[in-house]
Structure formats: structure tokens, C-alpha cells
Amino acid sequence: MAIFRWLRRIFEPIGEGILRIFSPVRDDYPKSGVKPFHGEPYENDKTA
């Protein structure tokens, strides 16, 4: 019986991770949609 508990402790987090990766997306975006980027992009003109 100890081997089964040991195997469960090993494979349970792996299985939960696989389920989390391949489960449907649960993003909490507002109903208005994703907000676009507001601002100026960073420009680095320095040459090393």
C-alpha cells in the first residue's frame, strides 16, 4: 500500500499540471475586451 501512496504523491501534481495546461482557458477579461496599449514605445538610440 505504501507504493501506491508514493506513486500518487508523484503523479498527482503531474496530472494536475497536465489538466491545467490542456483545460479550456479561463481568462477574466472585461466584457468590453482587452485594453490596448497606451503610451510611447521605448527607443534605445545608444550604440555600445
PDB file of N, CA and C in Angstrom:
ATOM      1  N   MET A   1       0.810  -1.190   0.000  1.00  0.00           N
ATOM      2  CA  MET A   1       0.000   0.000   0.000  1.00  0.00           C
ATOM      3  C   MET A   1       0.858   1.260   0.000  1.00  0.00           C
ATOM      4  N   ALA A   2       2.027   1.215   0.583  1.00  0.00           N
ATOM      5  CA  ALA A   2       2.880   2.397   0.637  1.00  0.00           C
ATOM      6  C   ALA A   2       3.333   2.805  -0.768  1.00  0.00           C
ATOM      7  N   ILE A   3       3.521   1.813  -1.634  1.00  0.00           N
ATOM      8  CA  ILE A   3       3.953   2.127  -3.001  1.00  0.00           C
ATOM      9  C   ILE A   3       2.875   2.913  -3.739  1.00  0.00           C
ATOM     10  N   PHE A   4       1.601   2.611  -3.475  1.00  0.00           N
ATOM     11  CA  PHE A   4       0.509   3.325  -4.135  1.00  0.00           C
ATOM     12  C   PHE A   4       0.431   4.774  -3.652  1.00  0.00           C
ATOM     13  N   ARG A   5       0.642   4.994  -2.371  1.00  0.00           N
ATOM     14  CA  ARG A   5       0.660   6.362  -1.847  1.00  0.00           C
ATOM     15  C   ARG A   5       1.831   7.146  -2.413  1.00  0.00           C
ATOM     16  N   TRP A   6       2.975   6.504  -2.544  1.00  0.00           N
ATOM     17  CA  TRP A   6       4.157   7.123  -3.110  1.00  0.00           C
ATOM     18  C   TRP A   6       3.927   7.491  -4.572  1.00  0.00           C
ATOM     19  N   LEU A   7       3.358   6.563  -5.335  1.00  0.00           N
ATOM     20  CA  LEU A   7       3.065   6.842  -6.743  1.00  0.00           C
ATOM     21  C   LEU A   7       2.037   7.968  -6.882  1.00  0.00           C
ATOM     22  N   ARG A   8       1.058   7.991  -6.003  1.00  0.00           N
ATOM     23  CA  ARG A   8       0.054   9.041  -6.045  1.00  0.00           C
ATOM     24  C   ARG A   8       0.674  10.408  -5.760  1.00  0.00           C
ATOM     25  N   ARG A   9       1.585  10.451  -4.776  1.00  0.00           N
ATOM     26  CA  ARG A   9       2.260  11.715  -4.473  1.00  0.00           C
ATOM     27  C   ARG A   9       3.117  12.190  -5.644  1.00  0.00           C
ATOM     28  N   ILE A  10       3.630  11.257  -6.436  1.00  0.00           N
ATOM     29  CA  ILE A  10       4.460  11.613  -7.592  1.00  0.00           C
ATOM     30  C   ILE A  10       3.587  12.083  -8.754  1.00  0.00           C
ATOM     31  N   PHE A  11       2.543  11.321  -9.092  1.00  0.00           N
ATOM     32  CA  PHE A  11       1.788  11.576 -10.310  1.00  0.00           C
ATOM     33  C   PHE A  11       0.635  12.559 -10.151  1.00  0.00           C
ATOM     34  N   GLU A  12       0.185  12.821  -8.951  1.00  0.00           N
ATOM     35  CA  GLU A  12      -0.929  13.753  -8.766  1.00  0.00           C
ATOM     36  C   GLU A  12      -0.568  15.172  -9.215  1.00  0.00           C
ATOM     37  N   PRO A  13       0.564  15.750  -8.822  1.00  0.00           N
ATOM     38  CA  PRO A  13       0.902  17.096  -9.309  1.00  0.00           C
ATOM     39  C   PRO A  13       1.144  17.128 -10.815  1.00  0.00           C
ATOM     40  N   ILE A  14       1.704  16.054 -11.358  1.00  0.00           N
ATOM     41  CA  ILE A  14       1.942  15.994 -12.798  1.00  0.00           C
ATOM     42  C   ILE A  14       0.613  15.986 -13.545  1.00  0.00           C
ATOM     43  N   GLY A  15      -0.327  15.180 -13.076  1.00  0.00           N
ATOM     44  CA  GLY A  15      -1.651  15.123 -13.698  1.00  0.00           C
ATOM     45  C   GLY A  15      -2.393  16.438 -13.587  1.00  0.00           C
ATOM     46  N   GLU A  16      -2.294  17.104 -12.435  1.00  0.00           N
ATOM     47  CA  GLU A  16      -2.951  18.395 -12.271  1.00  0.00           C
ATOM     48  C   GLU A  16      -2.343  19.432 -13.211  1.00  0.00           C
ATOM     49  N   GLY A  17      -1.039  19.382 -13.396  1.00  0.00           N
ATOM     50  CA  GLY A  17      -0.391  20.305 -14.325  1.00  0.00           C
ATOM     51  C   GLY A  17      -0.827  20.064 -15.754  1.00  0.00           C
ATOM     52  N   ILE A  18      -0.930  18.802 -16.145  1.00  0.00           N
ATOM     53  CA  ILE A  18      -1.383  18.473 -17.496  1.00  0.00           C
ATOM     54  C   ILE A  18      -2.818  18.928 -17.698  1.00  0.00           C
ATOM     55  N   LEU A  19      -3.662  18.704 -16.716  1.00  0.00           N
ATOM     56  CA  LEU A  19      -5.046  19.170 -16.822  1.00  0.00           C
ATOM     57  C   LEU A  19      -5.118  20.682 -16.912  1.00  0.00           C
ATOM     58  N   ARG A  20      -4.276  21.369 -16.178  1.00  0.00           N
ATOM     59  CA  ARG A  20      -4.288  22.831 -16.213  1.00  0.00           C
ATOM     60  C   ARG A  20      -3.825  23.351 -17.575  1.00  0.00           C
ATOM     61  N   ILE A  21      -2.834  22.706 -18.174  1.00  0.00           N
ATOM     62  CA  ILE A  21      -2.329  23.134 -19.475  1.00  0.00           C
ATOM     63  C   ILE A  21      -3.375  22.918 -20.561  1.00  0.00           C
ATOM     64  N   PHE A  22      -4.043  21.766 -20.548  1.00  0.00           N
ATOM     65  CA  PHE A  22      -4.948  21.408 -21.629  1.00  0.00           C
ATOM     66  C   PHE A  22      -6.418  21.682 -21.324  1.00  0.00           C
ATOM     67  N   SER A  23      -6.709  22.371 -20.234  1.00  0.00           N
ATOM     68  CA  SER A  23      -8.094  22.720 -19.935  1.00  0.00           C
ATOM     69  C   SER A  23      -8.483  23.982 -20.698  1.00  0.00           C
ATOM     70  N   PRO A  24      -9.772  24.244 -20.839  1.00  0.00           N
ATOM     71  CA  PRO A  24     -10.189  25.473 -21.520  1.00  0.00           C
ATOM     72  C   PRO A  24      -9.680  26.712 -20.779  1.00  0.00           C
ATOM     73  N   VAL A  25      -9.471  27.760 -21.524  1.00  0.00           N
ATOM     74  CA  VAL A  25      -8.931  28.999 -20.966  1.00  0.00           C
ATOM     75  C   VAL A  25      -9.987  29.660 -20.096  1.00  0.00           C
ATOM     76  N   ARG A  26      -9.543  30.158 -18.929  1.00  0.00           N
ATOM     77  CA  ARG A  26     -10.447  30.855 -18.007  1.00  0.00           C
ATOM     78  C   ARG A  26      -9.937  32.259 -17.735  1.00  0.00           C
ATOM     79  N   ASP A  27      -9.764  33.036 -18.801  1.00  0.00           N
ATOM     80  CA  ASP A  27      -9.290  34.412 -18.630  1.00  0.00           C
ATOM     81  C   ASP A  27     -10.424  35.287 -18.134  1.00  0.00           C
ATOM     82  N   ASP A  28     -10.108  36.218 -17.262  1.00  0.00           N
ATOM     83  CA  ASP A  28     -11.099  37.136 -16.711  1.00  0.00           C
ATOM     84  C   ASP A  28     -10.975  38.507 -17.372  1.00  0.00           C
ATOM     85  N   TYR A  29     -11.235  38.549 -18.672  1.00  0.00           N
ATOM     86  CA  TYR A  29     -11.222  39.820 -19.375  1.00  0.00           C
ATOM     87  C   TYR A  29     -12.556  40.516 -19.172  1.00  0.00           C
ATOM     88  N   PRO A  30     -12.565  41.855 -19.133  1.00  0.00           N
ATOM     89  CA  PRO A  30     -13.844  42.556 -19.005  1.00  0.00           C
ATOM     90  C   PRO A  30     -14.689  42.364 -20.267  1.00  0.00           C
ATOM     91  N   LYS A  31     -15.977  42.578 -20.161  1.00  0.00           N
ATOM     92  CA  LYS A  31     -16.867  42.377 -21.303  1.00  0.00           C
ATOM     93  C   LYS A  31     -16.553  43.337 -22.437  1.00  0.00           C
ATOM     94  N   SER A  32     -15.899  44.462 -22.124  1.00  0.00           N
ATOM     95  CA  SER A  32     -15.538  45.428 -23.168  1.00  0.00           C
ATOM     96  C   SER A  32     -14.325  44.970 -23.970  1.00  0.00           C
ATOM     97  N   GLY A  33     -13.641  43.940 -23.529  1.00  0.00           N
ATOM     98  CA  GLY A  33     -12.484  43.416 -24.244  1.00  0.00           C
ATOM     99  C   GLY A  33     -11.181  43.797 -23.579  1.00  0.00           C
ATOM    100  N   VAL A  34     -10.096  43.433 -24.225  1.00  0.00           N
ATOM    101  CA  VAL A  34      -8.761  43.712 -23.702  1.00  0.00           C
ATOM    102  C   VAL A  34      -8.419  45.166 -24.013  1.00  0.00           C
ATOM    103  N   LYS A  35      -7.830  45.862 -23.045  1.00  0.00           N
ATOM    104  CA  LYS A  35      -7.455  47.256 -23.265  1.00  0.00           C
ATOM    105  C   LYS A  35      -6.201  47.311 -24.128  1.00  0.00           C
ATOM    106  N   PRO A  36      -6.191  48.184 -25.142  1.00  0.00           N
ATOM    107  CA  PRO A  36      -4.989  48.323 -25.968  1.00  0.00           C
ATOM    108  C   PRO A  36      -3.884  49.064 -25.214  1.00  0.00           C
ATOM    109  N   PHE A  37      -2.696  48.986 -25.736  1.00  0.00           N
ATOM    110  CA  PHE A  37      -1.540  49.657 -25.130  1.00  0.00           C
ATOM    111  C   PHE A  37      -1.670  51.156 -25.319  1.00  0.00           C
ATOM    112  N   HIS A  38      -1.488  51.926 -24.250  1.00  0.00           N
ATOM    113  CA  HIS A  38      -1.491  53.385 -24.311  1.00  0.00           C
ATOM    114  C   HIS A  38      -0.118  53.871 -23.883  1.00  0.00           C
ATOM    115  N   GLY A  39       0.559  54.561 -24.771  1.00  0.00           N
ATOM    116  CA  GLY A  39       1.863  55.099 -24.417  1.00  0.00           C
ATOM    117  C   GLY A  39       2.793  55.065 -25.609  1.00  0.00           C
ATOM    118  N   GLU A  40       3.998  55.459 -25.362  1.00  0.00           N
ATOM    119  CA  GLU A  40       5.008  55.506 -26.408  1.00  0.00           C
ATOM    120  C   GLU A  40       5.965  54.331 -26.229  1.00  0.00           C
ATOM    121  N   PRO A  41       6.359  53.677 -27.324  1.00  0.00           N
ATOM    122  CA  PRO A  41       7.322  52.579 -27.200  1.00  0.00           C
ATOM    123  C   PRO A  41       8.702  53.113 -26.821  1.00  0.00           C
ATOM    124  N   TYR A  42       9.466  52.318 -26.145  1.00  0.00           N
ATOM    125  CA  TYR A  42      10.805  52.682 -25.708  1.00  0.00           C
ATOM    126  C   TYR A  42      11.759  52.587 -26.891  1.00  0.00           C
ATOM    127  N   GLU A  43      12.521  53.632 -27.105  1.00  0.00           N
ATOM    128  CA  GLU A  43      13.513  53.628 -28.165  1.00  0.00           C
ATOM    129  C   GLU A  43      14.895  53.836 -27.554  1.00  0.00           C
ATOM    130  N   ASN A  44      15.783  52.908 -27.773  1.00  0.00           N
ATOM    131  CA  ASN A  44      17.152  52.983 -27.250  1.00  0.00           C
ATOM    132  C   ASN A  44      18.067  53.323 -28.408  1.00  0.00           C
ATOM    133  N   ASP A  45      18.516  54.563 -28.470  1.00  0.00           N
ATOM    134  CA  ASP A  45      19.366  55.004 -29.578  1.00  0.00           C
ATOM    135  C   ASP A  45      20.855  54.863 -29.264  1.00  0.00           C
ATOM    136  N   LYS A  46      21.191  54.399 -28.067  1.00  0.00           N
ATOM    137  CA  LYS A  46      22.604  54.266 -27.698  1.00  0.00           C
ATOM    138  C   LYS A  46      23.222  53.090 -28.426  1.00  0.00           C
ATOM    139  N   THR A  47      24.424  53.283 -28.937  1.00  0.00           N
ATOM    140  CA  THR A  47      25.182  52.193 -29.539  1.00  0.00           C
ATOM    141  C   THR A  47      26.401  51.932 -28.668  1.00  0.00           C
ATOM    142  N   ALA A  48      26.648  50.668 -28.400  1.00  0.00           N
ATOM    143  CA  ALA A  48      27.725  50.323 -27.482  1.00  0.00           C
ATOM    144  C   ALA A  48      29.026  50.142 -28.192  1.00  0.00           C
TER     145      ALA A  48
END
